[in-house]
Amino acid sequence: MDALNNETLIRPFWEGAARGQLLTCFCTLCRTDIWYPKEHCPVCAGAISWRPLNGRASLLSWTVVRRQINGQFDVPYMPAIVIPEDAPEVHLVTCLSLPEGVSPYCDMPLNVRFSELTPLQGKPFVAPVFTA
């Protein structure tokens, strides 16, 4: 069998985001959540599938990008790593969208919302972002 490429592996995540649903990859045999998606479970080699998450997470890490790095998005923006409440072994890379005057802090409780992001080049896409 040919190995799946990364785009094929992650497609269900982006399709879920377009529907306003946060999904994670998991093993159908041992029920381990798997992130970044793999062809088979790294624990038991079982088949993978996708499951919805409740959208709540805690903030693990973040930074503020004030200087154009890759030319994809307007600055400033706040990339972050969040841990979903119902998939604690998963660390999602995302962006924070905090209200004016709200500063991020470790373990900050967050909720997902879905936002259309428009890169400076390429087509707009819907992505999960997290807010307080």
N, C-alpha and C. Protein backbone atom coordinates (compact mmCIF):
# COMPACT_ATOMS: atom_id res chain seq x y z
N MET A 1 0.85 -1.18 0.00
CA MET A 1 0.00 0.00 0.00
C MET A 1 0.89 1.24 0.00
N ASP A 2 0.56 2.21 -0.82
CA ASP A 2 1.30 3.46 -0.86
C ASP A 2 1.03 4.25 0.41
N ALA A 3 2.07 4.90 0.92
CA ALA A 3 1.90 5.73 2.10
C ALA A 3 1.01 6.92 1.77
N LEU A 4 0.16 7.28 2.71
CA LEU A 4 -0.67 8.46 2.55
C LEU A 4 0.20 9.69 2.71
N ASN A 5 -0.11 10.74 1.93
CA ASN A 5 0.66 11.97 2.11
C ASN A 5 0.03 12.80 3.22
N ASN A 6 0.76 13.78 3.72
CA ASN A 6 0.29 14.60 4.83
C ASN A 6 -1.03 15.29 4.54
N GLU A 7 -1.21 15.75 3.31
CA GLU A 7 -2.46 16.43 2.95
C GLU A 7 -3.65 15.50 3.09
N THR A 8 -3.51 14.26 2.68
CA THR A 8 -4.58 13.27 2.81
C THR A 8 -4.84 12.95 4.28
N LEU A 9 -3.79 12.81 5.07
CA LEU A 9 -3.94 12.48 6.48
C LEU A 9 -4.69 13.56 7.25
N ILE A 10 -4.45 14.82 6.95
CA ILE A 10 -5.02 15.93 7.72
C ILE A 10 -6.33 16.45 7.13
N ARG A 11 -6.70 16.00 5.95
CA ARG A 11 -7.91 16.50 5.28
C ARG A 11 -9.15 16.47 6.17
N PRO A 12 -9.44 15.39 6.91
CA PRO A 12 -10.64 15.40 7.76
C PRO A 12 -10.66 16.53 8.80
N PHE A 13 -9.49 16.90 9.29
CA PHE A 13 -9.41 18.01 10.24
C PHE A 13 -9.91 19.30 9.61
N TRP A 14 -9.43 19.59 8.41
CA TRP A 14 -9.81 20.83 7.72
C TRP A 14 -11.25 20.78 7.23
N GLU A 15 -11.72 19.62 6.83
CA GLU A 15 -13.13 19.49 6.44
C GLU A 15 -14.03 19.72 7.65
N GLY A 16 -13.64 19.21 8.81
CA GLY A 16 -14.39 19.46 10.04
C GLY A 16 -14.40 20.94 10.38
N ALA A 17 -13.26 21.59 10.28
CA ALA A 17 -13.18 23.03 10.57
C ALA A 17 -14.11 23.82 9.66
N ALA A 18 -14.18 23.45 8.39
CA ALA A 18 -15.07 24.14 7.46
C ALA A 18 -16.53 23.99 7.88
N ARG A 19 -16.85 22.91 8.60
CA ARG A 19 -18.22 22.69 9.10
C ARG A 19 -18.41 23.25 10.51
N GLY A 20 -17.35 23.87 11.08
CA GLY A 20 -17.44 24.39 12.43
C GLY A 20 -17.29 23.33 13.50
N GLN A 21 -16.50 22.30 13.18
CA GLN A 21 -16.32 21.19 14.11
C GLN A 21 -14.83 20.94 14.32
N LEU A 22 -14.42 20.87 15.60
CA LEU A 22 -13.04 20.56 15.94
C LEU A 22 -12.90 19.05 16.09
N LEU A 23 -11.99 18.45 15.33
CA LEU A 23 -11.81 17.00 15.31
C LEU A 23 -10.39 16.63 15.70
N THR A 24 -10.25 15.43 16.23
CA THR A 24 -8.92 14.87 16.44
C THR A 24 -8.91 13.44 15.90
N CYS A 25 -7.74 13.00 15.53
CA CYS A 25 -7.51 11.65 15.06
C CYS A 25 -7.38 10.73 16.27
N PHE A 26 -7.92 9.51 16.19
CA PHE A 26 -7.79 8.58 17.29
C PHE A 26 -7.73 7.15 16.77
N CYS A 27 -7.25 6.25 17.61
CA CYS A 27 -7.17 4.84 17.27
C CYS A 27 -8.50 4.16 17.58
N THR A 28 -9.03 3.43 16.61
CA THR A 28 -10.30 2.74 16.82
C THR A 28 -10.14 1.52 17.72
N LEU A 29 -8.92 1.04 17.90
CA LEU A 29 -8.68 -0.15 18.72
C LEU A 29 -8.38 0.20 20.18
N CYS A 30 -7.33 0.99 20.41
CA CYS A 30 -6.93 1.31 21.79
C CYS A 30 -7.46 2.65 22.27
N ARG A 31 -8.13 3.41 21.39
CA ARG A 31 -8.78 4.69 21.72
C ARG A 31 -7.80 5.81 22.05
N THR A 32 -6.54 5.66 21.68
CA THR A 32 -5.54 6.70 21.91
C THR A 32 -5.76 7.85 20.93
N ASP A 33 -5.77 9.08 21.44
CA ASP A 33 -5.80 10.24 20.55
C ASP A 33 -4.43 10.41 19.94
N ILE A 34 -4.40 10.73 18.65
CA ILE A 34 -3.15 10.79 17.90
C ILE A 34 -3.05 12.15 17.22
N TRP A 35 -2.00 12.86 17.53
CA TRP A 35 -1.78 14.14 16.85
C TRP A 35 -0.29 14.32 16.71
N TYR A 36 0.13 14.54 15.60
CA TYR A 36 -0.30 14.76 14.26
C TYR A 36 -0.78 13.42 13.68
N PRO A 37 -1.83 13.46 12.85
CA PRO A 37 -2.40 12.21 12.33
C PRO A 37 -1.36 11.30 11.67
N LYS A 38 -1.56 10.03 11.87
CA LYS A 38 -0.69 9.00 11.30
C LYS A 38 -1.55 8.00 10.53
N GLU A 39 -0.91 7.18 9.72
CA GLU A 39 -1.64 6.15 8.97
C GLU A 39 -2.21 5.08 9.88
N HIS A 40 -1.46 4.74 10.94
CA HIS A 40 -1.86 3.72 11.90
C HIS A 40 -1.48 4.21 13.29
N CYS A 41 -2.11 3.65 14.29
CA CYS A 41 -1.82 4.03 15.66
C CYS A 41 -0.36 3.73 16.01
N PRO A 42 0.36 4.70 16.56
CA PRO A 42 1.75 4.46 16.95
C PRO A 42 1.87 3.59 18.21
N VAL A 43 0.77 3.38 18.92
CA VAL A 43 0.78 2.57 20.14
C VAL A 43 0.52 1.11 19.83
N CYS A 44 -0.54 0.83 19.02
CA CYS A 44 -0.93 -0.57 18.80
C CYS A 44 -1.07 -0.95 17.32
N ALA A 45 -0.77 -0.01 16.43
CA ALA A 45 -0.87 -0.20 14.98
C ALA A 45 -2.31 -0.36 14.50
N GLY A 46 -3.28 0.02 15.33
CA GLY A 46 -4.69 -0.06 14.95
C GLY A 46 -5.06 0.98 13.90
N ALA A 47 -6.26 0.83 13.38
CA ALA A 47 -6.80 1.75 12.38
C ALA A 47 -7.13 3.10 13.04
N ILE A 48 -7.06 4.15 12.25
CA ILE A 48 -7.38 5.47 12.77
C ILE A 48 -8.73 5.93 12.25
N SER A 49 -9.32 6.84 13.01
CA SER A 49 -10.56 7.49 12.63
C SER A 49 -10.53 8.89 13.22
N TRP A 50 -11.63 9.59 13.18
CA TRP A 50 -11.71 10.96 13.69
C TRP A 50 -12.88 11.07 14.64
N ARG A 51 -12.73 11.92 15.66
CA ARG A 51 -13.82 12.15 16.60
C ARG A 51 -13.91 13.64 16.92
N PRO A 52 -15.12 14.10 17.20
CA PRO A 52 -15.29 15.52 17.55
C PRO A 52 -14.81 15.80 18.97
N LEU A 53 -14.34 17.01 19.18
CA LEU A 53 -13.95 17.50 20.49
C LEU A 53 -14.95 18.55 20.94
N ASN A 54 -15.00 18.80 22.24
CA ASN A 54 -15.99 19.75 22.76
C ASN A 54 -15.61 21.22 22.54
N GLY A 55 -14.39 21.50 22.12
CA GLY A 55 -13.99 22.87 21.80
C GLY A 55 -13.37 23.65 22.95
N ARG A 56 -13.30 23.05 24.12
CA ARG A 56 -12.64 23.72 25.24
C ARG A 56 -11.20 23.24 25.32
N ALA A 57 -10.30 24.17 25.70
CA ALA A 57 -8.87 23.85 25.76
C ALA A 57 -8.20 24.73 26.79
N SER A 58 -6.96 24.38 27.11
CA SER A 58 -6.14 25.24 27.96
C SER A 58 -4.89 25.64 27.19
N LEU A 59 -4.41 26.80 27.50
CA LEU A 59 -3.26 27.37 26.81
C LEU A 59 -1.96 26.80 27.36
N LEU A 60 -1.17 26.22 26.49
CA LEU A 60 0.13 25.67 26.88
C LEU A 60 1.26 26.67 26.62
N SER A 61 1.25 27.27 25.42
CA SER A 61 2.34 28.15 25.02
C SER A 61 1.85 29.12 23.95
N TRP A 62 2.51 30.25 23.82
CA TRP A 62 2.13 31.24 22.82
C TRP A 62 3.29 32.20 22.59
N THR A 63 3.16 32.97 21.53
CA THR A 63 4.08 34.07 21.26
C THR A 63 3.31 35.10 20.45
N VAL A 64 3.84 36.29 20.36
CA VAL A 64 3.23 37.33 19.54
C VAL A 64 4.18 37.62 18.40
N VAL A 65 3.69 37.47 17.18
CA VAL A 65 4.49 37.76 16.00
C VAL A 65 4.17 39.19 15.57
N ARG A 66 5.16 40.03 15.65
CA ARG A 66 4.98 41.45 15.30
C ARG A 66 5.71 41.82 14.01
N ARG A 67 6.57 40.92 13.58
CA ARG A 67 7.37 41.19 12.39
C ARG A 67 7.08 40.10 11.37
N GLN A 68 6.90 40.49 10.14
CA GLN A 68 6.58 39.53 9.09
C GLN A 68 7.68 38.48 8.98
N ILE A 69 7.29 37.21 9.14
CA ILE A 69 8.26 36.13 9.09
C ILE A 69 8.14 35.35 7.79
N ASN A 70 6.93 34.89 7.49
CA ASN A 70 6.78 34.04 6.31
C ASN A 70 5.92 34.65 5.22
N GLY A 71 5.41 35.84 5.43
CA GLY A 71 4.65 36.50 4.38
C GLY A 71 3.26 35.95 4.17
N GLN A 72 2.78 35.07 5.04
CA GLN A 72 1.45 34.49 4.85
C GLN A 72 0.33 35.31 5.47
N PHE A 73 0.58 35.93 6.61
CA PHE A 73 -0.47 36.63 7.33
C PHE A 73 -0.02 38.00 7.77
N ASP A 74 -1.00 38.90 7.88
CA ASP A 74 -0.73 40.23 8.42
C ASP A 74 -0.29 40.10 9.88
N VAL A 75 0.55 41.00 10.31
CA VAL A 75 0.99 41.03 11.70
C VAL A 75 0.26 42.16 12.41
N PRO A 76 0.10 42.11 13.72
CA PRO A 76 0.54 41.04 14.60
C PRO A 76 -0.48 39.90 14.64
N TYR A 77 0.02 38.72 15.02
CA TYR A 77 -0.84 37.58 15.30
C TYR A 77 -0.18 36.76 16.40
N MET A 78 -0.99 35.88 17.01
CA MET A 78 -0.53 35.17 18.20
C MET A 78 -0.66 33.66 18.00
N PRO A 79 0.40 33.01 17.45
CA PRO A 79 0.36 31.55 17.37
C PRO A 79 0.46 30.96 18.78
N ALA A 80 -0.17 29.79 18.94
CA ALA A 80 -0.22 29.18 20.26
C ALA A 80 -0.31 27.66 20.15
N ILE A 81 -0.03 27.01 21.26
CA ILE A 81 -0.26 25.58 21.40
C ILE A 81 -1.30 25.43 22.51
N VAL A 82 -2.38 24.71 22.19
CA VAL A 82 -3.43 24.48 23.16
C VAL A 82 -3.62 22.99 23.38
N ILE A 83 -4.12 22.64 24.56
CA ILE A 83 -4.40 21.25 24.90
C ILE A 83 -5.92 21.11 25.04
N PRO A 84 -6.54 20.36 24.14
CA PRO A 84 -7.99 20.17 24.24
C PRO A 84 -8.37 19.48 25.55
N GLU A 85 -9.44 19.96 26.15
CA GLU A 85 -9.92 19.41 27.43
C GLU A 85 -10.20 17.91 27.33
N ASP A 86 -10.78 17.48 26.22
CA ASP A 86 -11.18 16.08 26.10
C ASP A 86 -10.21 15.25 25.25
N ALA A 87 -8.99 15.77 25.06
CA ALA A 87 -7.91 15.02 24.40
C ALA A 87 -6.59 15.55 24.94
N PRO A 88 -6.30 15.30 26.22
CA PRO A 88 -5.15 15.94 26.87
C PRO A 88 -3.79 15.53 26.33
N GLU A 89 -3.72 14.44 25.55
CA GLU A 89 -2.42 14.09 24.96
C GLU A 89 -2.17 14.79 23.62
N VAL A 90 -3.15 15.57 23.17
CA VAL A 90 -3.05 16.30 21.90
C VAL A 90 -2.59 17.73 22.18
N HIS A 91 -1.66 18.20 21.38
CA HIS A 91 -1.21 19.59 21.44
C HIS A 91 -1.46 20.20 20.07
N LEU A 92 -2.45 21.08 19.98
CA LEU A 92 -2.82 21.70 18.70
C LEU A 92 -2.11 23.03 18.52
N VAL A 93 -1.55 23.23 17.35
CA VAL A 93 -0.99 24.53 16.99
C VAL A 93 -2.14 25.33 16.38
N THR A 94 -2.32 26.55 16.87
CA THR A 94 -3.45 27.36 16.47
C THR A 94 -3.07 28.83 16.59
N CYS A 95 -4.05 29.68 16.53
CA CYS A 95 -3.86 31.11 16.81
C CYS A 95 -4.83 31.51 17.91
N LEU A 96 -4.41 32.47 18.72
CA LEU A 96 -5.28 33.04 19.74
C LEU A 96 -5.93 34.29 19.18
N SER A 97 -7.15 34.50 19.59
CA SER A 97 -7.87 35.72 19.27
C SER A 97 -8.48 36.21 20.58
N LEU A 98 -7.74 37.04 21.27
CA LEU A 98 -8.16 37.49 22.60
C LEU A 98 -8.76 38.88 22.53
N PRO A 99 -9.74 39.15 23.38
CA PRO A 99 -10.32 40.50 23.42
C PRO A 99 -9.26 41.54 23.79
N GLU A 100 -9.49 42.74 23.35
CA GLU A 100 -8.59 43.86 23.67
C GLU A 100 -8.36 43.92 25.18
N GLY A 101 -7.11 44.04 25.58
CA GLY A 101 -6.78 44.17 26.99
C GLY A 101 -6.63 42.86 27.75
N VAL A 102 -6.93 41.73 27.11
CA VAL A 102 -6.79 40.43 27.76
C VAL A 102 -5.43 39.85 27.39
N SER A 103 -4.63 39.52 28.39
CA SER A 103 -3.31 38.94 28.17
C SER A 103 -3.35 37.43 28.38
N PRO A 104 -2.64 36.69 27.56
CA PRO A 104 -2.61 35.24 27.73
C PRO A 104 -1.80 34.84 28.95
N TYR A 105 -2.12 33.67 29.51
CA TYR A 105 -1.35 33.11 30.62
C TYR A 105 -1.43 31.58 30.55
N CYS A 106 -0.44 30.92 31.12
CA CYS A 106 -0.40 29.46 31.10
C CYS A 106 -1.65 28.88 31.74
N ASP A 107 -2.18 27.83 31.11
CA ASP A 107 -3.39 27.13 31.56
C ASP A 107 -4.66 27.96 31.41
N MET A 108 -4.59 29.07 30.70
CA MET A 108 -5.77 29.91 30.47
C MET A 108 -6.85 29.06 29.81
N PRO A 109 -8.09 29.09 30.32
CA PRO A 109 -9.17 28.36 29.66
C PRO A 109 -9.57 29.06 28.37
N LEU A 110 -9.76 28.27 27.33
CA LEU A 110 -10.07 28.80 26.01
C LEU A 110 -11.22 28.03 25.39
N ASN A 111 -11.85 28.67 24.41
CA ASN A 111 -12.91 28.03 23.63
C ASN A 111 -12.60 28.22 22.15
N VAL A 112 -12.93 27.20 21.38
CA VAL A 112 -12.69 27.29 19.94
C VAL A 112 -13.77 28.14 19.28
N ARG A 113 -13.37 28.81 18.25
CA ARG A 113 -14.29 29.42 17.30
C ARG A 113 -13.65 29.24 15.94
N PHE A 114 -14.43 29.32 14.93
CA PHE A 114 -13.90 29.07 13.59
C PHE A 114 -13.92 30.38 12.83
N SER A 115 -12.81 30.65 12.19
CA SER A 115 -12.62 31.92 11.52
C SER A 115 -12.07 31.69 10.13
N GLU A 116 -12.53 32.47 9.18
CA GLU A 116 -11.94 32.39 7.85
C GLU A 116 -10.65 33.21 7.87
N LEU A 117 -9.56 32.55 7.57
CA LEU A 117 -8.26 33.19 7.50
C LEU A 117 -7.90 33.42 6.05
N THR A 118 -7.35 34.57 5.78
CA THR A 118 -6.97 34.92 4.42
C THR A 118 -5.47 35.14 4.37
N PRO A 119 -4.74 34.16 3.84
CA PRO A 119 -3.30 34.37 3.71
C PRO A 119 -3.02 35.46 2.67
N LEU A 120 -1.85 36.06 2.75
CA LEU A 120 -1.49 37.08 1.77
C LEU A 120 -1.41 36.49 0.37
N GLN A 121 -1.12 35.19 0.29
CA GLN A 121 -1.10 34.47 -0.98
C GLN A 121 -1.92 33.21 -0.80
N GLY A 122 -2.70 32.86 -1.78
CA GLY A 122 -3.49 31.64 -1.69
C GLY A 122 -4.94 31.93 -1.32
N LYS A 123 -5.71 30.84 -1.22
CA LYS A 123 -7.14 30.95 -0.97
C LYS A 123 -7.44 31.05 0.52
N PRO A 124 -8.50 31.77 0.88
CA PRO A 124 -8.95 31.79 2.28
C PRO A 124 -9.36 30.39 2.72
N PHE A 125 -9.28 30.14 4.02
CA PHE A 125 -9.68 28.84 4.56
C PHE A 125 -10.21 29.05 5.97
N VAL A 126 -11.04 28.13 6.42
CA VAL A 126 -11.61 28.18 7.76
C VAL A 126 -10.68 27.40 8.68
N ALA A 127 -10.37 28.01 9.83
CA ALA A 127 -9.46 27.37 10.79
C ALA A 127 -9.99 27.57 12.19
N PRO A 128 -9.69 26.61 13.08
CA PRO A 128 -10.03 26.82 14.48
C PRO A 128 -9.06 27.81 15.10
N VAL A 129 -9.60 28.80 15.78
CA VAL A 129 -8.81 29.73 16.59
C VAL A 129 -9.40 29.67 17.99
N PHE A 130 -8.63 30.04 18.96
CA PHE A 130 -9.10 29.93 20.33
C PHE A 130 -9.16 31.30 20.99
N THR A 131 -10.17 31.48 21.81
CA THR A 131 -10.41 32.75 22.48
C THR A 131 -10.78 32.51 23.93
N ALA A 132 -10.61 33.55 24.73
CA ALA A 132 -10.95 33.47 26.16
C ALA A 132 -12.43 33.67 26.34
